[in-house]
Protein backbone atom coordinates (compact mmCIF):
# COMPACT_ATOMS: atom_id res chain seq x y z
CA MET A 1 12.86 162.45 -100.24
CA ALA A 2 14.54 162.62 -96.69
CA ILE A 3 12.98 160.93 -93.60
CA LYS A 4 12.66 163.45 -90.79
CA ILE A 5 12.16 163.72 -87.28
CA ARG A 6 8.31 164.09 -86.35
CA ASP A 7 8.29 163.61 -82.74
CA VAL A 8 10.47 163.00 -79.54
CA LYS A 9 9.02 161.31 -76.88
CA VAL A 10 10.51 160.82 -73.32
CA ILE A 11 9.16 157.58 -71.61
CA LEU A 12 10.10 157.30 -67.79
CA THR A 13 9.70 153.79 -66.24
CA ALA A 14 11.12 152.02 -62.94
CA PRO A 15 10.08 148.41 -63.45
CA GLU A 16 12.83 147.37 -60.93
CA GLY A 17 12.50 150.52 -58.95
CA ILE A 18 15.32 152.12 -60.70
CA ASN A 19 14.54 155.25 -62.61
CA LEU A 20 15.16 154.50 -66.53
CA VAL A 21 14.91 157.31 -69.04
CA VAL A 22 14.06 155.89 -72.57
CA VAL A 23 13.73 158.55 -75.65
CA LYS A 24 11.56 157.50 -78.57
CA VAL A 25 12.22 159.44 -82.07
CA GLU A 26 9.36 159.02 -84.39
CA THR A 27 9.85 159.78 -87.90
CA THR A 28 7.85 161.07 -91.11
CA GLU A 29 7.89 157.42 -92.27
CA PRO A 30 5.06 155.34 -90.89
CA GLU A 31 6.23 152.94 -88.22
CA LEU A 32 9.52 153.98 -88.47
CA TYR A 33 11.00 154.97 -85.07
CA GLY A 34 14.04 154.56 -82.75
CA LEU A 35 14.90 154.00 -79.24
CA GLY A 36 17.37 155.53 -77.02
CA CYS A 37 18.72 155.58 -73.58
CA ALA A 38 18.89 158.94 -71.58
CA THR A 39 19.09 157.35 -68.14
CA PHE A 40 20.57 159.61 -65.42
CA ALA A 41 18.63 157.72 -62.79
CA TYR A 42 19.23 160.29 -59.90
CA ARG A 43 18.29 163.41 -62.16
CA HIS A 44 15.71 162.01 -64.30
CA LEU A 45 13.14 164.99 -64.40
CA ALA A 46 16.00 167.50 -65.34
CA VAL A 47 16.84 165.01 -68.25
CA LYS A 48 13.43 165.00 -69.25
CA CYS A 49 12.96 168.66 -68.97
CA LEU A 50 15.96 169.09 -71.19
CA ILE A 51 14.89 166.86 -74.15
CA GLU A 52 11.27 168.12 -74.22
CA GLU A 53 12.00 171.95 -73.69
CA TYR A 54 15.19 172.31 -75.56
CA ILE A 55 16.15 169.31 -77.73
CA LYS A 56 12.90 168.40 -79.35
CA PRO A 57 12.17 171.90 -80.76
CA LEU A 58 15.91 171.82 -81.90
CA VAL A 59 15.86 168.54 -83.84
CA ILE A 60 11.89 168.34 -85.20
CA GLY A 61 11.94 168.45 -88.87
CA LYS A 62 15.72 167.45 -89.33
CA ASP A 63 16.93 164.77 -91.46
CA VAL A 64 17.43 161.63 -89.68
CA SER A 65 20.34 160.47 -91.65
CA LYS A 66 22.79 163.25 -90.41
CA ILE A 67 23.67 161.57 -87.06
CA SER A 68 26.96 163.13 -86.84
CA GLN A 69 25.59 166.77 -87.57
CA LEU A 70 22.70 166.33 -85.00
CA TRP A 71 25.04 165.18 -82.38
CA HIS A 72 27.18 168.36 -82.76
CA LEU A 73 24.21 170.37 -83.02
CA MET A 74 22.67 169.08 -79.53
CA HIS A 75 26.34 169.35 -78.02
CA GLN A 76 26.98 173.08 -78.72
CA ASN A 77 23.35 174.45 -78.84
CA GLY A 78 23.46 175.46 -75.17
CA TYR A 79 26.86 177.04 -75.53
CA TRP A 80 28.11 175.42 -72.24
CA ARG A 81 28.53 171.71 -72.91
CA ASN A 82 29.88 168.24 -71.64
CA GLY A 83 27.52 168.10 -68.34
CA PRO A 84 25.81 164.73 -67.44
CA ILE A 85 22.35 165.87 -67.70
CA GLU A 86 23.00 167.25 -71.37
CA ASN A 87 25.04 164.28 -72.40
CA ASN A 88 22.54 161.79 -71.46
CA ALA A 89 19.78 163.75 -72.85
CA ILE A 90 21.68 163.91 -76.10
CA SER A 91 22.49 160.23 -76.02
CA GLY A 92 18.68 159.39 -75.80
CA VAL A 93 18.36 161.17 -79.20
CA ASP A 94 21.71 159.71 -80.63
CA MET A 95 21.00 155.83 -79.76
CA ALA A 96 17.38 156.45 -81.32
CA LEU A 97 19.05 157.83 -84.54
CA TRP A 98 21.35 154.89 -84.90
CA ASP A 99 18.58 152.52 -84.07
CA ILE A 100 16.42 154.28 -87.13
CA LYS A 101 19.54 154.14 -89.49
CA GLY A 102 19.79 150.36 -88.79
CA LYS A 103 16.13 149.78 -89.63
CA MET A 104 16.54 151.77 -92.62
CA ALA A 105 19.40 149.82 -93.73
CA ASN A 106 17.65 146.69 -92.36
CA MET A 107 21.19 145.94 -90.60
CA PRO A 108 21.89 145.21 -86.84
CA LEU A 109 23.91 148.08 -85.41
CA TYR A 110 26.94 146.02 -85.22
CA ASP A 111 26.93 145.61 -89.20
CA LEU A 112 26.48 149.55 -89.40
CA LEU A 113 29.88 149.84 -87.16
CA GLY A 114 31.96 147.21 -89.33
CA GLY A 115 30.58 143.73 -88.41
CA LYS A 116 31.27 141.39 -85.90
CA CYS A 117 34.71 140.87 -84.49
CA ARG A 118 33.29 137.80 -82.74
CA GLU A 119 29.90 136.15 -82.27
CA GLY A 120 29.41 136.78 -78.55
CA VAL A 121 30.50 139.26 -75.96
CA PRO A 122 32.57 137.98 -72.72
CA ILE A 123 31.12 139.50 -69.63
CA TYR A 124 31.80 139.80 -66.06
CA ARG A 125 29.21 139.80 -63.08
CA HIS A 126 29.12 141.58 -59.94
CA ALA A 127 29.20 139.32 -56.86
CA ASP A 128 28.35 140.55 -53.45
CA GLY A 129 27.50 139.16 -50.02
CA ARG A 130 27.07 140.10 -46.41
CA ASP A 131 30.05 138.30 -45.32
CA ILE A 132 32.88 136.57 -47.11
CA ASN A 133 31.17 133.01 -47.11
CA GLU A 134 28.36 134.27 -48.66
CA LEU A 135 30.48 136.08 -51.36
CA ILE A 136 32.48 132.84 -52.21
CA ASP A 137 28.81 131.02 -52.63
CA ASN A 138 27.93 133.52 -54.99
CA ILE A 139 31.04 133.38 -56.96
CA LEU A 140 31.00 129.45 -56.91
CA GLU A 141 27.31 130.16 -58.39
CA TYR A 142 28.41 132.38 -61.30
CA LYS A 143 31.14 130.00 -61.96
CA GLU A 144 28.72 127.27 -62.35
CA GLN A 145 26.81 129.56 -64.83
CA GLY A 146 29.92 129.65 -67.13
CA ILE A 147 30.91 133.15 -65.99
CA THR A 148 35.00 133.13 -65.88
CA THR A 149 35.37 136.98 -64.80
CA ILE A 150 33.76 138.28 -61.52
CA ARG A 151 34.01 141.55 -59.81
CA CYS A 152 33.96 141.07 -55.91
CA GLN A 153 32.67 143.26 -52.93
CA CYS A 154 31.79 142.53 -49.66
CA GLY A 155 29.00 144.61 -48.32
CA GLY A 156 28.82 146.96 -51.37
CA TYR A 157 31.48 149.36 -51.63
CA GLY A 158 32.53 149.91 -48.08
CA GLY A 159 29.49 150.90 -46.12
CA ILE A 160 25.62 151.20 -45.67
CA TYR A 161 23.54 154.53 -45.14
CA GLY A 162 22.49 155.10 -41.73
CA THR A 163 23.05 156.89 -38.52
CA ALA A 164 26.57 158.26 -37.84
CA PRO A 165 29.10 156.07 -36.00
CA SER A 166 30.71 156.59 -32.75
CA THR A 167 33.86 157.42 -34.55
CA ALA A 168 31.97 160.62 -35.81
CA PRO A 169 31.76 163.96 -34.00
CA GLU A 170 28.72 164.69 -31.74
CA GLY A 171 25.82 165.81 -34.13
CA SER A 172 27.04 164.26 -37.53
CA PRO A 173 24.45 163.74 -39.79
CA GLU A 174 23.33 160.33 -41.37
CA GLY A 175 25.41 159.14 -44.24
CA VAL A 176 27.35 156.00 -45.69
CA TYR A 177 30.56 156.22 -43.42
CA LEU A 178 33.46 155.16 -44.58
CA ASP A 179 36.65 153.52 -42.82
CA SER A 180 39.34 153.54 -45.29
CA HIS A 181 41.98 151.52 -43.68
CA LYS A 182 39.57 149.13 -42.34
CA TYR A 183 38.00 148.78 -45.91
CA MET A 184 41.56 148.30 -47.12
CA ARG A 185 42.62 145.55 -44.62
CA ASP A 186 39.23 143.84 -45.28
CA THR A 187 39.75 143.85 -48.97
CA VAL A 188 43.12 142.18 -49.03
CA GLU A 189 41.84 139.67 -46.54
CA LEU A 190 38.74 139.18 -48.83
CA PHE A 191 41.11 138.20 -51.91
CA ASP A 192 43.45 135.96 -49.92
CA ARG A 193 40.18 133.83 -48.73
CA ILE A 194 38.75 134.00 -52.17
CA ARG A 195 41.82 132.76 -53.89
CA SER A 196 42.45 130.15 -51.31
CA LYS A 197 38.73 128.97 -51.82
CA VAL A 198 38.64 129.23 -55.73
CA GLY A 199 42.13 129.05 -56.92
CA TYR A 200 43.56 131.33 -60.05
CA ASP A 201 41.43 129.54 -62.59
CA ILE A 202 38.97 132.33 -62.41
CA ASN A 203 39.50 135.83 -63.16
CA LEU A 204 38.46 138.56 -60.30
CA CYS A 205 37.94 142.30 -60.10
CA HIS A 206 37.37 144.88 -57.64
CA ASP A 207 36.00 148.29 -57.77
CA VAL A 208 37.36 150.92 -55.31
CA HIS A 209 34.47 153.12 -56.55
CA GLU A 210 36.78 156.37 -56.04
CA ARG A 211 36.50 156.28 -52.18
CA LEU A 212 40.09 156.24 -51.20
CA ARG A 213 42.66 159.00 -51.07
CA PRO A 214 45.08 158.49 -53.93
CA VAL A 215 48.07 157.61 -51.80
CA ASP A 216 45.94 154.71 -50.25
CA ALA A 217 44.63 153.55 -53.40
CA ILE A 218 48.50 153.13 -54.52
CA LYS A 219 48.77 151.07 -51.33
CA LEU A 220 45.94 148.92 -51.75
CA ALA A 221 46.72 148.16 -55.34
CA GLN A 222 50.24 147.05 -54.23
CA GLU A 223 48.87 144.89 -51.63
CA LEU A 224 46.50 143.06 -54.13
CA GLU A 225 49.22 142.33 -56.41
CA PRO A 226 49.74 138.86 -55.17
CA TYR A 227 46.03 137.97 -55.99
CA LYS A 228 46.40 138.54 -59.71
CA LEU A 229 43.33 140.71 -60.31
CA PHE A 230 41.81 140.99 -63.87
CA PHE A 231 41.63 144.85 -63.08
CA LEU A 232 41.27 147.15 -60.37
CA GLU A 233 38.31 149.56 -61.07
CA ASP A 234 38.21 153.50 -60.43
CA ALA A 235 40.87 153.32 -57.80
CA ILE A 236 41.57 157.29 -58.47
CA SER A 237 38.70 159.87 -58.50
CA LEU A 238 37.63 161.70 -61.59
CA GLU A 239 38.90 164.90 -59.84
CA GLN A 240 42.33 163.25 -59.17
CA GLY A 241 43.21 161.91 -62.45
CA GLU A 242 46.91 163.11 -62.55
CA TRP A 243 47.37 160.76 -59.76
CA LEU A 244 47.13 157.87 -62.09
CA ARG A 245 50.55 158.61 -63.26
CA GLN A 246 51.74 157.54 -59.61
CA LEU A 247 49.67 154.84 -59.49
CA ARG A 248 50.65 153.29 -63.00
CA SER A 249 54.44 153.76 -61.97
CA LYS A 250 54.15 151.87 -58.41
CA THR A 251 52.11 148.89 -59.49
CA THR A 252 51.54 146.15 -62.02
CA ILE A 253 47.85 145.31 -61.34
CA PRO A 254 45.81 146.22 -64.59
CA LEU A 255 43.83 149.54 -64.12
CA ALA A 256 40.12 150.28 -65.33
CA GLN A 257 39.09 153.63 -65.33
CA GLY A 258 36.22 156.12 -66.36
CA GLU A 259 32.34 155.35 -65.59
CA LEU A 260 32.18 159.01 -64.25
CA PHE A 261 33.71 160.28 -67.33
CA ASN A 262 32.03 163.31 -69.29
CA ASN A 263 34.53 165.17 -71.34
CA PRO A 264 37.19 163.64 -73.83
CA TYR A 265 39.75 165.75 -71.82
CA GLU A 266 39.26 163.43 -69.02
CA TRP A 267 40.29 160.27 -70.82
CA ARG A 268 42.40 161.49 -73.48
CA PHE A 269 45.67 161.64 -71.65
CA LEU A 270 45.06 158.68 -70.04
CA ILE A 271 44.77 156.77 -73.24
CA LYS A 272 47.54 158.76 -74.92
CA GLU A 273 50.18 158.18 -71.89
CA GLN A 274 48.64 154.33 -71.34
CA LEU A 275 47.94 154.91 -67.91
CA ILE A 276 45.07 152.48 -68.00
CA ASP A 277 44.38 149.22 -69.38
CA PHE A 278 40.72 149.42 -69.71
CA ILE A 279 38.52 152.50 -70.38
CA ARG A 280 34.88 151.82 -69.07
CA VAL A 281 32.65 154.84 -69.74
CA HIS A 282 29.07 154.85 -69.39
CA ILE A 283 28.09 155.60 -72.90
CA SER A 284 24.95 157.63 -72.08
CA GLN A 285 26.94 159.72 -69.88
CA ILE A 286 29.38 160.78 -72.66
CA GLY A 287 26.59 161.41 -75.22
CA GLY A 288 25.95 158.00 -76.64
CA ILE A 289 26.93 155.90 -79.49
CA THR A 290 28.42 158.56 -81.74
CA PRO A 291 31.15 159.60 -79.00
CA ALA A 292 31.46 156.16 -77.80
CA HIS A 293 32.45 154.75 -81.33
CA LYS A 294 35.18 157.41 -81.53
CA LEU A 295 36.43 156.75 -78.23
CA GLN A 296 36.71 152.90 -78.79
CA ILE A 297 38.84 153.46 -82.35
CA PHE A 298 41.05 156.10 -80.28
CA ALA A 299 41.56 153.80 -77.50
CA GLU A 300 42.53 150.78 -80.04
CA GLU A 301 45.33 153.08 -81.48
CA PHE A 302 47.05 153.06 -78.18
CA GLY A 303 46.32 149.45 -77.19
CA ILE A 304 43.80 150.07 -74.73
CA LYS A 305 40.86 147.86 -74.33
CA THR A 306 37.06 148.67 -73.60
CA ALA A 307 34.99 147.49 -70.78
CA TRP A 308 32.01 149.72 -70.85
CA HIS A 309 29.93 150.52 -67.70
CA GLY A 310 26.89 148.23 -67.44
CA PRO A 311 25.27 148.79 -64.15
CA GLY A 312 21.44 148.13 -63.20
CA ASP A 313 20.91 152.06 -63.39
CA MET A 314 20.83 152.08 -67.07
CA SER A 315 18.12 150.82 -69.62
CA PRO A 316 18.15 147.74 -71.48
CA VAL A 317 18.31 150.06 -74.53
CA ALA A 318 21.94 151.14 -73.54
CA HIS A 319 22.66 147.62 -72.36
CA ALA A 320 22.27 146.66 -76.25
CA ALA A 321 24.05 149.39 -77.39
CA ASN A 322 27.08 148.24 -75.29
CA ILE A 323 26.76 144.90 -76.68
CA HIS A 324 26.49 146.08 -80.44
CA ILE A 325 29.59 148.24 -79.90
CA ASP A 326 31.28 145.32 -78.20
CA LEU A 327 30.55 142.93 -81.12
CA ALA A 328 32.30 145.43 -83.80
CA SER A 329 35.33 146.12 -81.50
CA GLN A 330 38.57 144.91 -82.20
CA ASN A 331 39.69 145.83 -78.84
CA LEU A 332 36.88 144.66 -76.55
CA GLY A 333 38.38 143.72 -73.25
CA ILE A 334 35.30 142.70 -71.48
CA GLN A 335 31.62 143.80 -70.77
CA GLU A 336 30.37 144.56 -67.36
CA TRP A 337 26.81 142.90 -67.45
CA SER A 338 24.18 143.52 -64.55
CA GLY A 339 22.13 141.29 -66.58
CA THR A 340 18.77 141.36 -67.89
CA GLU A 341 17.82 138.89 -65.39
CA PRO A 342 16.75 140.58 -62.00
CA PRO A 343 17.88 140.99 -59.43
CA ASN A 344 20.89 143.27 -60.95
CA PHE A 345 21.16 145.36 -57.85
CA ILE A 346 24.52 146.45 -56.44
CA ILE A 347 23.53 149.67 -54.32
CA GLN A 348 19.89 150.49 -55.25
CA GLU A 349 17.01 148.88 -53.38
CA LEU A 350 14.82 147.21 -55.82
CA SER A 351 11.26 146.74 -56.14
CA ASP A 352 8.19 145.61 -57.86
CA ALA A 353 7.79 142.31 -59.72
CA LYS A 354 11.07 140.28 -60.48
CA LYS A 355 10.23 139.85 -64.35
CA ALA A 356 8.80 143.39 -64.67
CA LEU A 357 11.92 144.66 -66.54
CA LEU A 358 11.30 141.74 -68.90
CA ASP A 359 7.66 142.68 -69.53
CA VAL A 360 8.57 146.27 -70.38
CA PHE A 361 11.44 145.48 -72.82
CA SER A 362 11.54 142.95 -75.55
CA GLY A 363 14.62 141.73 -77.84
CA LEU A 364 17.07 142.08 -74.88
CA PRO A 365 20.45 140.75 -75.36
CA GLU A 366 20.84 137.23 -74.19
CA TYR A 367 23.14 135.51 -71.70
CA LYS A 368 24.54 132.09 -72.40
CA GLU A 369 27.43 130.35 -70.78
CA GLY A 370 29.83 133.43 -70.33
CA TYR A 371 28.89 135.31 -73.39
CA VAL A 372 26.16 137.62 -74.18
CA TYR A 373 24.48 137.67 -77.66
CA ALA A 374 22.65 140.52 -79.68
CA ASN A 375 19.63 139.68 -81.78
CA ALA A 376 20.00 139.98 -85.54
CA LYS A 377 17.23 142.51 -85.73
CA PRO A 378 17.81 145.81 -87.44
CA GLY A 379 19.18 148.64 -85.49
CA LEU A 380 19.35 147.81 -81.62
CA GLY A 381 16.90 145.00 -82.02
CA ILE A 382 14.99 146.12 -78.68
CA ASP A 383 11.68 147.50 -78.44
CA ILE A 384 9.50 148.91 -75.64
CA ASP A 385 5.82 148.17 -74.37
CA GLU A 386 4.88 151.84 -73.38
CA ASP A 387 1.67 150.38 -71.65
CA GLU A 388 3.66 148.20 -69.53
CA ALA A 389 6.27 150.72 -68.69
CA ALA A 390 3.58 153.37 -67.47
CA LYS A 391 2.68 150.66 -64.78
CA TYR A 392 6.01 151.50 -63.06
CA PRO A 393 6.45 155.15 -62.41
CA CYS A 394 9.77 156.83 -61.61
CA LYS A 395 10.08 157.95 -57.95
CA ASN A 396 11.82 161.30 -57.10
CA ASN A 397 13.40 160.58 -53.68
CA VAL A 398 16.41 162.18 -52.22
CA THR A 399 19.47 159.89 -53.06
CA THR A 400 21.30 158.48 -49.98
CA TRP A 401 23.98 156.07 -51.14
CA THR A 402 26.02 158.96 -52.94
CA GLN A 403 25.91 160.37 -49.32
CA THR A 404 29.30 158.98 -48.40
CA ARG A 405 31.35 160.38 -45.58
CA LEU A 406 34.81 159.78 -43.75
CA ARG A 407 35.04 158.69 -40.37
CA ASP A 408 34.89 162.53 -39.00
CA GLY A 409 31.73 163.13 -41.12
CA THR A 410 33.67 164.84 -43.92
CA LEU A 411 31.87 164.16 -47.39
CA GLN A 412 33.78 161.95 -49.64
CA THR A 413 33.21 161.17 -53.29
CA PRO A 414 30.77 158.05 -53.79
């Protein structure tokens, strides 16, 4: 007799002060359930509503083994599709179904996906600092921990939320004000100082975070070429993707792109035309493990490597999913790892107990000497303590770090 979906629960928790959305799919088989990540940290209540009011009634009573069919059912049921709220909601159920399938097969997810291509997953960490000296100290600290690839920023991504600067017109609102040309000069100087201090035996990356005009992104990429970056990340905004053809033709710097992608049309031409070197989607943002697995294989056919997005604003369930897919991917490039050891902040302000994340989630992938390892438990190998999760309720505040503005106060993509 087929095992069916008995219930779908949404668990909201913020053990580090970052809103996380975890989906628990319970089955008609006693004690058999799966977990998935549906985290859209800045619209968590909208995702919760979509799951509870629309997806749950749609999938209750369905056969848990038919993951692909259920994914397409959820994807097309609302007619309009490929939006971030819907995709994250679908991801929560999709990951949970893969977790269940692994438990039914008594196999970890990486075995369901074809088995390990390697024993551990090479990762990169994010290093930041209030000034270059502090940043270099943090890079050297990571190097001591065995990390060989480090993404370097100084002062976040070019600005901090606050009152309008004197360069803005009178009456301009608060925001994260960006001075593009100063940011470009500072970034070139940053990598010149870093290379002079740490040499070329360590891989360095940088994230533009889509905060430049395309023509300025091309100029920055050219000026950074002497510093041999491992990759330049999100140099071009999602809305200006066609500019990657020009960027690709004018620089030899490796390019990584994709953490905001929602729709296959946004990455299909980039991969077919080999305009990027690393595809780095946020797997819950594209709908979970099912579409991520297809994308990984598609990218492999064109010689593009994966570098899945792995920030603090995704749950450890999604981090585990990243690692399982990485282990089974021939074309893994590297994995962004914000860590399961708090703090993993980049731009969010953290709160609550330092080890709270580890109290809520168990079975997390483990870091050791430059690699992250999944456990060999069936499915995703991760669990949640719902009583502990309830101690850290989510907050519904107005998001400020995305309110990025140019010198004259015009809004700029964050």
